[in-house]
Protein backbone atom coordinates (compact mmCIF):
# COMPACT_ATOMS: atom_id res chain seq x y z
CA UNK A 1 -32.32 4.90 26.63
CA UNK A 2 -31.17 7.70 24.21
CA UNK A 3 -33.02 10.42 24.30
CA UNK A 4 -35.12 11.53 21.25
CA UNK A 5 -32.94 14.07 19.32
CA UNK A 6 -29.70 12.79 21.37
CA UNK A 7 -28.13 11.64 18.36
CA UNK A 8 -28.11 15.17 16.96
CA UNK A 9 -25.86 16.31 19.41
CA UNK A 10 -22.60 15.18 20.86
CA UNK A 11 -23.30 11.71 21.28
CA UNK A 12 -24.55 11.28 17.63
CA UNK A 13 -20.87 13.14 16.66
CA UNK A 14 -19.05 10.37 18.87
CA UNK A 15 -20.82 7.50 17.53
CA UNK A 16 -20.32 8.60 13.97
CA UNK A 17 -16.51 8.70 14.58
CA UNK A 18 -16.56 5.37 16.12
CA UNK A 19 -17.89 4.10 13.03
CA UNK A 20 -15.74 6.43 10.83
CA UNK A 21 -12.28 4.86 12.71
CA UNK A 22 -13.39 1.43 11.97
CA UNK A 23 -13.99 2.27 8.15
CA UNK A 24 -10.87 4.20 7.97
CA UNK A 25 -8.81 0.99 9.32
CA UNK A 26 -10.24 -0.95 6.43
CA UNK A 27 -8.53 1.39 3.95
CA UNK A 28 -5.31 0.81 5.52
CA UNK A 29 -5.65 -3.00 5.78
CA UNK A 30 -6.73 -3.27 2.15
CA UNK A 31 -4.52 -0.59 0.87
CA UNK A 32 -1.34 -1.44 2.23
CA UNK A 33 -1.70 -4.54 0.06
CA UNK A 34 -2.11 -2.98 -3.21
CA UNK A 35 -0.16 0.53 -2.92
CA UNK A 36 2.58 -0.67 -5.26
CA UNK A 37 0.05 -1.80 -7.91
CA UNK A 38 -1.79 1.55 -8.75
CA UNK A 39 -1.40 4.95 -9.35
CA UNK A 40 -2.35 6.71 -6.28
CA UNK A 41 -3.88 9.93 -7.91
CA UNK A 42 -5.56 7.44 -10.84
CA UNK A 43 -6.89 5.00 -8.07
CA UNK A 44 -8.40 7.78 -5.95
CA UNK A 45 -9.79 9.71 -8.91
CA UNK A 46 -11.80 6.33 -9.99
CA UNK A 47 -12.85 5.96 -6.22
CA UNK A 48 -14.04 9.12 -5.91
CA UNK A 49 -16.13 9.28 -9.03
CA UNK A 50 -17.98 6.18 -7.84
CA UNK A 51 -18.30 7.61 -4.40
CA UNK A 52 -19.73 10.92 -5.80
CA UNK A 53 -22.25 8.78 -7.83
CA UNK A 54 -23.50 7.22 -4.90
CA UNK A 55 -23.90 10.53 -2.92
CA UNK A 56 -25.38 12.19 -5.98
CA UNK A 57 -28.09 9.48 -6.34
CA UNK A 58 -28.82 9.42 -2.52
CA UNK A 59 -29.23 13.24 -2.97
CA UNK A 60 -31.58 13.07 -5.66
CA UNK A 61 -33.59 10.39 -4.10
CA UNK A 62 -34.19 12.83 -1.24
CA UNK A 63 -35.30 15.48 -3.46
CA UNK A 64 -32.16 17.03 -4.59
CA UNK A 65 -29.94 19.83 -2.89
CA UNK A 66 -31.11 22.69 -0.98
CA UNK A 67 -31.27 25.70 -2.46
CA UNK A 68 -27.77 27.89 -2.32
CA UNK A 69 -26.10 24.85 -1.46
CA UNK A 70 -23.56 25.77 -3.88
CA UNK A 71 -23.05 29.13 -3.79
CA UNK A 72 -19.40 30.02 -3.06
CA UNK A 73 -17.97 27.34 -4.57
CA UNK A 74 -14.47 28.01 -3.75
CA UNK A 75 -15.37 26.33 -0.25
CA UNK A 76 -15.90 22.91 -1.85
CA UNK A 77 -12.51 23.23 -3.84
CA UNK A 78 -10.83 23.80 -0.56
CA UNK A 79 -12.53 21.19 1.12
CA UNK A 80 -12.07 18.69 -1.61
CA UNK A 81 -8.27 19.61 -2.22
CA UNK A 82 -7.74 18.92 1.38
CA UNK A 83 -9.65 15.23 1.08
CA UNK A 84 -8.01 14.48 -2.25
CA UNK A 85 -4.34 15.43 -0.93
CA UNK A 86 -4.63 13.15 2.18
CA UNK A 87 -5.67 10.15 0.14
CA UNK A 88 -3.08 10.50 -2.59
CA UNK A 89 -0.42 10.97 0.10
CA UNK A 90 -1.57 8.17 1.86
CA UNK A 91 -1.11 5.70 -1.23
CA UNK A 92 1.79 7.54 -2.20
CA UNK A 93 3.69 7.14 0.98
CA UNK A 94 3.09 3.39 1.28
CA UNK A 95 4.81 2.65 -1.76
CA UNK A 96 8.31 3.25 0.25
CA UNK A 97 7.05 3.84 3.92
CA UNK A 98 6.93 0.69 6.47
CA UNK A 99 3.15 0.48 7.54
CA UNK A 100 4.24 0.84 11.08
CA UNK A 101 5.92 3.88 10.53
CA UNK A 102 3.11 5.14 8.44
CA UNK A 103 0.68 4.69 11.38
CA UNK A 104 2.96 6.25 13.84
CA UNK A 105 2.84 9.28 11.53
CA UNK A 106 -0.83 8.93 11.39
CA UNK A 107 -1.28 9.30 15.08
CA UNK A 108 -0.03 12.83 14.82
CA UNK A 109 -3.27 13.87 13.16
CA UNK A 110 -5.60 14.51 16.44
CA UNK A 111 -2.84 16.94 17.86
CA UNK A 112 -2.40 18.99 14.65
CA UNK A 113 -6.27 19.04 14.23
CA UNK A 114 -6.37 20.74 17.80
CA UNK A 115 -3.92 23.10 16.67
CA UNK A 116 -5.84 24.00 13.18
CA UNK A 117 -9.10 24.45 15.43
CA UNK A 118 -7.68 26.96 17.45
CA UNK A 119 -6.17 28.85 14.58
CA UNK A 120 -9.49 28.68 12.44
CA UNK A 121 -12.16 28.30 15.23
CA UNK A 122 -10.63 29.46 18.53
CA UNK A 123 -11.44 26.16 19.91
CA UNK A 124 -9.42 25.56 23.27
CA UNK A 125 -8.17 22.00 24.20
CA UNK A 126 -8.84 21.50 28.09
CA UNK A 127 -6.44 19.87 30.27
CA UNK A 128 -8.79 16.99 30.11
CA UNK A 129 -8.68 16.59 26.49
CA UNK A 130 -5.10 17.27 26.35
CA UNK A 131 -4.73 14.38 28.98
CA UNK A 132 -6.82 12.09 26.84
CA UNK A 133 -4.71 13.02 23.56
CA UNK A 134 -1.32 12.11 25.18
CA UNK A 135 -2.89 8.79 26.37
CA UNK A 136 -4.33 7.95 23.42
CA UNK A 137 -1.05 8.75 21.46
CA UNK A 138 0.78 6.64 23.65
CA UNK A 139 -1.56 3.66 23.32
CA UNK A 140 -1.70 3.86 19.66
CA UNK A 141 1.90 3.94 19.53
CA UNK A 142 1.95 0.80 21.59
CA UNK A 143 -0.13 -0.72 18.98
CA UNK A 144 1.48 0.37 16.20
CA UNK A 145 4.82 -0.75 17.02
CA UNK A 146 3.56 -4.19 18.67
CA UNK A 147 4.88 -3.21 22.27
CA UNK A 148 8.51 -3.39 20.64
CA UNK A 149 10.42 -0.58 22.34
CA UNK A 150 13.25 -1.14 20.26
CA UNK A 151 11.14 -0.64 17.17
CA UNK A 152 10.00 2.65 18.47
CA UNK A 153 13.52 3.71 19.47
CA UNK A 154 14.85 3.13 16.07
CA UNK A 155 11.71 5.27 14.24
CA UNK A 156 13.20 6.98 11.32
CA UNK A 157 11.82 9.49 8.78
CA UNK A 158 12.17 8.43 5.57
CA UNK A 159 10.60 9.79 1.99
CA UNK A 160 7.50 7.66 2.54
CA UNK A 161 6.73 8.83 6.07
CA UNK A 162 7.38 12.74 5.25
CA UNK A 163 4.71 12.72 2.19
CA UNK A 164 2.07 10.80 4.26
CA UNK A 165 3.07 13.48 6.94
CA UNK A 166 1.90 16.24 4.28
CA UNK A 167 -1.21 14.43 3.68
CA UNK A 168 -1.83 14.21 7.42
CA UNK A 169 -1.77 17.79 7.87
CA UNK A 170 -4.37 18.22 4.86
CA UNK A 171 -6.49 15.71 6.95
CA UNK A 172 -6.08 17.73 10.16
CA UNK A 173 -7.12 20.80 8.37
CA UNK A 174 -9.90 19.48 6.82
CA UNK A 175 -11.88 18.75 10.46
CA UNK A 176 -12.07 22.43 11.42
CA UNK A 177 -12.24 23.70 7.90
CA UNK A 178 -15.58 21.90 7.47
CA UNK A 179 -17.06 23.83 10.31
CA UNK A 180 -15.55 27.00 9.29
CA UNK A 181 -16.86 26.95 5.70
CA UNK A 182 -20.39 25.37 6.42
CA UNK A 183 -22.84 28.19 5.89
CA UNK A 184 -25.93 26.25 7.18
CA UNK A 185 -26.08 23.88 4.17
CA UNK A 186 -27.39 20.27 4.68
CA UNK A 187 -24.47 17.82 5.50
CA UNK A 188 -25.65 15.74 2.29
CA UNK A 189 -25.73 18.54 -0.10
CA UNK A 190 -22.11 19.75 1.48
CA UNK A 191 -20.74 16.29 1.35
CA UNK A 192 -22.17 16.16 -2.32
CA UNK A 193 -20.22 19.41 -3.37
CA UNK A 194 -16.99 18.25 -1.31
CA UNK A 195 -16.72 15.02 -3.12
CA UNK A 196 -17.65 16.68 -6.30
CA UNK A 197 -14.67 19.02 -6.10
CA UNK A 198 -12.22 15.94 -4.89
CA UNK A 199 -13.19 14.15 -7.99
CA UNK A 200 -12.64 17.02 -10.55
CA UNK A 201 -9.01 17.90 -8.83
CA UNK A 202 -8.39 14.23 -8.66
CA UNK A 203 -9.27 13.55 -12.46
CA UNK A 204 -6.94 16.24 -13.46
CA UNK A 205 -3.74 15.28 -11.27
CA UNK A 206 -4.24 11.66 -12.09
CA UNK A 207 -4.96 11.90 -15.70
CA UNK A 208 -1.79 10.08 -17.00
CA UNK A 209 -2.05 7.24 -14.34
CA UNK A 210 -5.87 6.96 -15.75
CA UNK A 211 -4.80 6.49 -19.36
CA UNK A 212 -2.04 3.94 -18.34
CA UNK A 213 -4.14 2.08 -16.05
CA UNK A 214 -4.46 -1.75 -17.06
CA UNK A 215 -8.06 -2.19 -16.31
CA UNK A 216 -8.26 -5.69 -17.54
CA UNK A 217 -5.22 -6.64 -16.06
CA UNK A 218 -5.78 -5.47 -12.25
CA UNK A 219 -6.25 -8.30 -10.02
CA UNK A 220 -9.63 -8.79 -8.34
CA UNK A 221 -7.98 -7.38 -4.67
CA UNK A 222 -7.63 -4.29 -6.64
CA UNK A 223 -11.32 -3.97 -7.84
CA UNK A 224 -12.26 -4.91 -4.09
CA UNK A 225 -10.43 -2.31 -2.48
CA UNK A 226 -11.44 0.34 -4.88
CA UNK A 227 -15.26 -0.37 -4.41
CA UNK A 228 -14.58 -0.64 -0.43
CA UNK A 229 -12.89 2.54 -0.15
CA UNK A 230 -15.06 4.22 -2.69
CA UNK A 231 -18.41 3.19 -1.04
CA UNK A 232 -17.46 2.91 2.56
CA UNK A 233 -14.47 4.71 3.20
CA UNK A 234 -15.01 7.79 1.10
CA UNK A 235 -19.06 7.91 0.73
CA UNK A 236 -19.72 7.01 4.17
CA UNK A 237 -16.61 8.53 6.02
CA UNK A 238 -17.07 11.91 4.47
CA UNK A 239 -20.68 12.14 5.68
CA UNK A 240 -19.66 10.80 9.27
CA UNK A 241 -16.62 13.26 9.38
CA UNK A 242 -18.78 16.11 8.29
CA UNK A 243 -21.61 15.17 10.81
CA UNK A 244 -19.49 14.91 13.58
CA UNK A 245 -17.39 18.06 12.73
CA UNK A 246 -20.57 19.96 12.97
CA UNK A 247 -20.98 18.64 16.51
CA UNK A 248 -17.58 18.10 18.42
CA UNK A 249 -14.52 20.11 18.52
CA UNK A 250 -11.94 19.25 16.09
CA UNK A 251 -9.37 17.50 18.84
CA UNK A 252 -12.08 15.40 19.93
CA UNK A 253 -13.17 14.42 16.27
CA UNK A 254 -9.58 13.65 15.30
CA UNK A 255 -9.04 11.63 18.46
CA UNK A 256 -10.91 8.78 17.34
CA UNK A 257 -8.04 8.17 14.73
CA UNK A 258 -6.23 6.48 17.98
CA UNK A 259 -8.62 3.56 17.36
CA UNK A 260 -7.60 2.81 13.91
CA UNK A 261 -4.61 0.79 14.81
CA UNK A 262 -7.12 -1.43 16.85
CA UNK A 263 -9.27 -1.63 14.30
CA UNK A 264 -6.57 -2.72 11.92
CA UNK A 265 -5.76 -5.23 14.16
CA UNK A 266 -9.03 -6.77 13.94
CA UNK A 267 -9.02 -6.18 10.38
CA UNK A 268 -5.83 -8.16 9.86
CA UNK A 269 -7.48 -11.14 12.05
CA UNK A 270 -10.73 -11.26 9.69
CA UNK A 271 -8.39 -11.22 6.38
CA UNK A 272 -6.30 -14.20 8.11
CA UNK A 273 -3.19 -12.66 9.64
CA UNK A 274 -3.30 -13.91 12.86
CA UNK A 275 -4.12 -12.59 16.75
CA UNK A 276 -1.79 -9.65 17.74
CA UNK A 277 0.47 -10.56 20.87
CA UNK A 278 -1.17 -9.97 24.30
CA UNK A 279 1.09 -7.07 25.15
CA UNK A 280 -0.78 -5.61 22.26
CA UNK A 281 -3.81 -5.52 24.26
CA UNK A 282 -2.05 -2.90 27.04
CA UNK A 283 -2.16 -0.34 24.01
CA UNK A 284 -5.76 -0.97 23.37
CA UNK A 285 -6.54 -0.42 26.64
CA UNK A 286 -5.07 3.06 26.80
CA UNK A 287 -6.94 3.93 23.50
CA UNK A 288 -9.81 3.25 25.71
CA UNK A 289 -9.19 5.17 28.45
CA UNK A 290 -8.69 8.50 26.10
CA UNK A 291 -11.96 7.86 24.68
CA UNK A 292 -13.53 7.47 28.16
CA UNK A 293 -11.69 10.82 29.06
CA UNK A 294 -12.85 12.46 25.92
CA UNK A 295 -16.87 11.10 26.66
CA UNK A 296 -16.69 12.07 30.32
CA UNK A 297 -18.78 15.07 31.41
CA UNK A 298 -19.40 16.20 27.63
CA UNK A 299 -20.73 19.55 27.98
CA UNK A 300 -23.57 20.55 25.78
CA UNK A 301 -22.68 21.45 22.30
CA UNK A 302 -25.24 22.35 19.85
CA UNK A 303 -24.17 22.53 16.02
CA UNK A 304 -23.11 26.01 15.29
CA UNK A 305 -22.73 27.74 12.09
CA UNK A 306 -19.55 29.06 10.65
CA UNK A 307 -18.56 32.86 12.03
CA UNK A 308 -20.45 35.09 10.59
CA UNK A 309 -23.04 33.17 9.68
CA UNK A 310 -25.16 32.40 12.81
CA UNK A 311 -28.63 31.80 12.36
CA UNK A 312 -28.46 31.29 8.70
């Protein structure tokens, strides 16, 4: 049985990221179907507005934000800007980049996150974690390219991939930045600050697209995707990500992105696109091996405040 309080430590962080990866996969599965029908900044401005409203309601029900949560508001602008940039780049990149290439770029995020983790927090990636990252990357690529070596060799970086790569850099920096900039604020209030900042940024960024958006003419799938991404892939995932980022090293947090292609395959089956070829299961197995390596012999790791703010 899970010991009382165990979920407040590394185990809770791992479970949060397992759920995170499944919910993010839904964004890829649904977002790929509407990317060419919406303005990326405008679409994300609307989803973030909905998401922020949900989290604000939860915060109010729970008694409001803790005193001092919104001190140094520049921190939320930094985090919100990184988060907003990732999602806009994702939808913008999907307009011209094949989903396979975009997913391949996404698998670079854990490695970049480990680099940012070292620069921001001096988190050191051990040989075991590095091995897990490498195995996970190999398994993810195998899944992404559907066990087709020729497709992997023929990979070329185009404009859409380059745009999405910039977004992935922002995503990779976001994880250690959460831990660096948090000054002991409760996760829920900290999340509200991040989402509010992201919403404000996107409202300005997406203003032209919001004015021209055809609310009446948008097909139902656009609204389904918007509500899913607002509530499940934004409100919930940002909570999960910030929860995990306070309990796990950045490289381990982002390693769960290796599961996204496998989750996407399950999403595609659920959406009626059929079962992937049997060879794809080899890649899925590699991602599982990577996660086993990440979970094995997890050292005790208590949540830490940002450097210079210990004990606050």
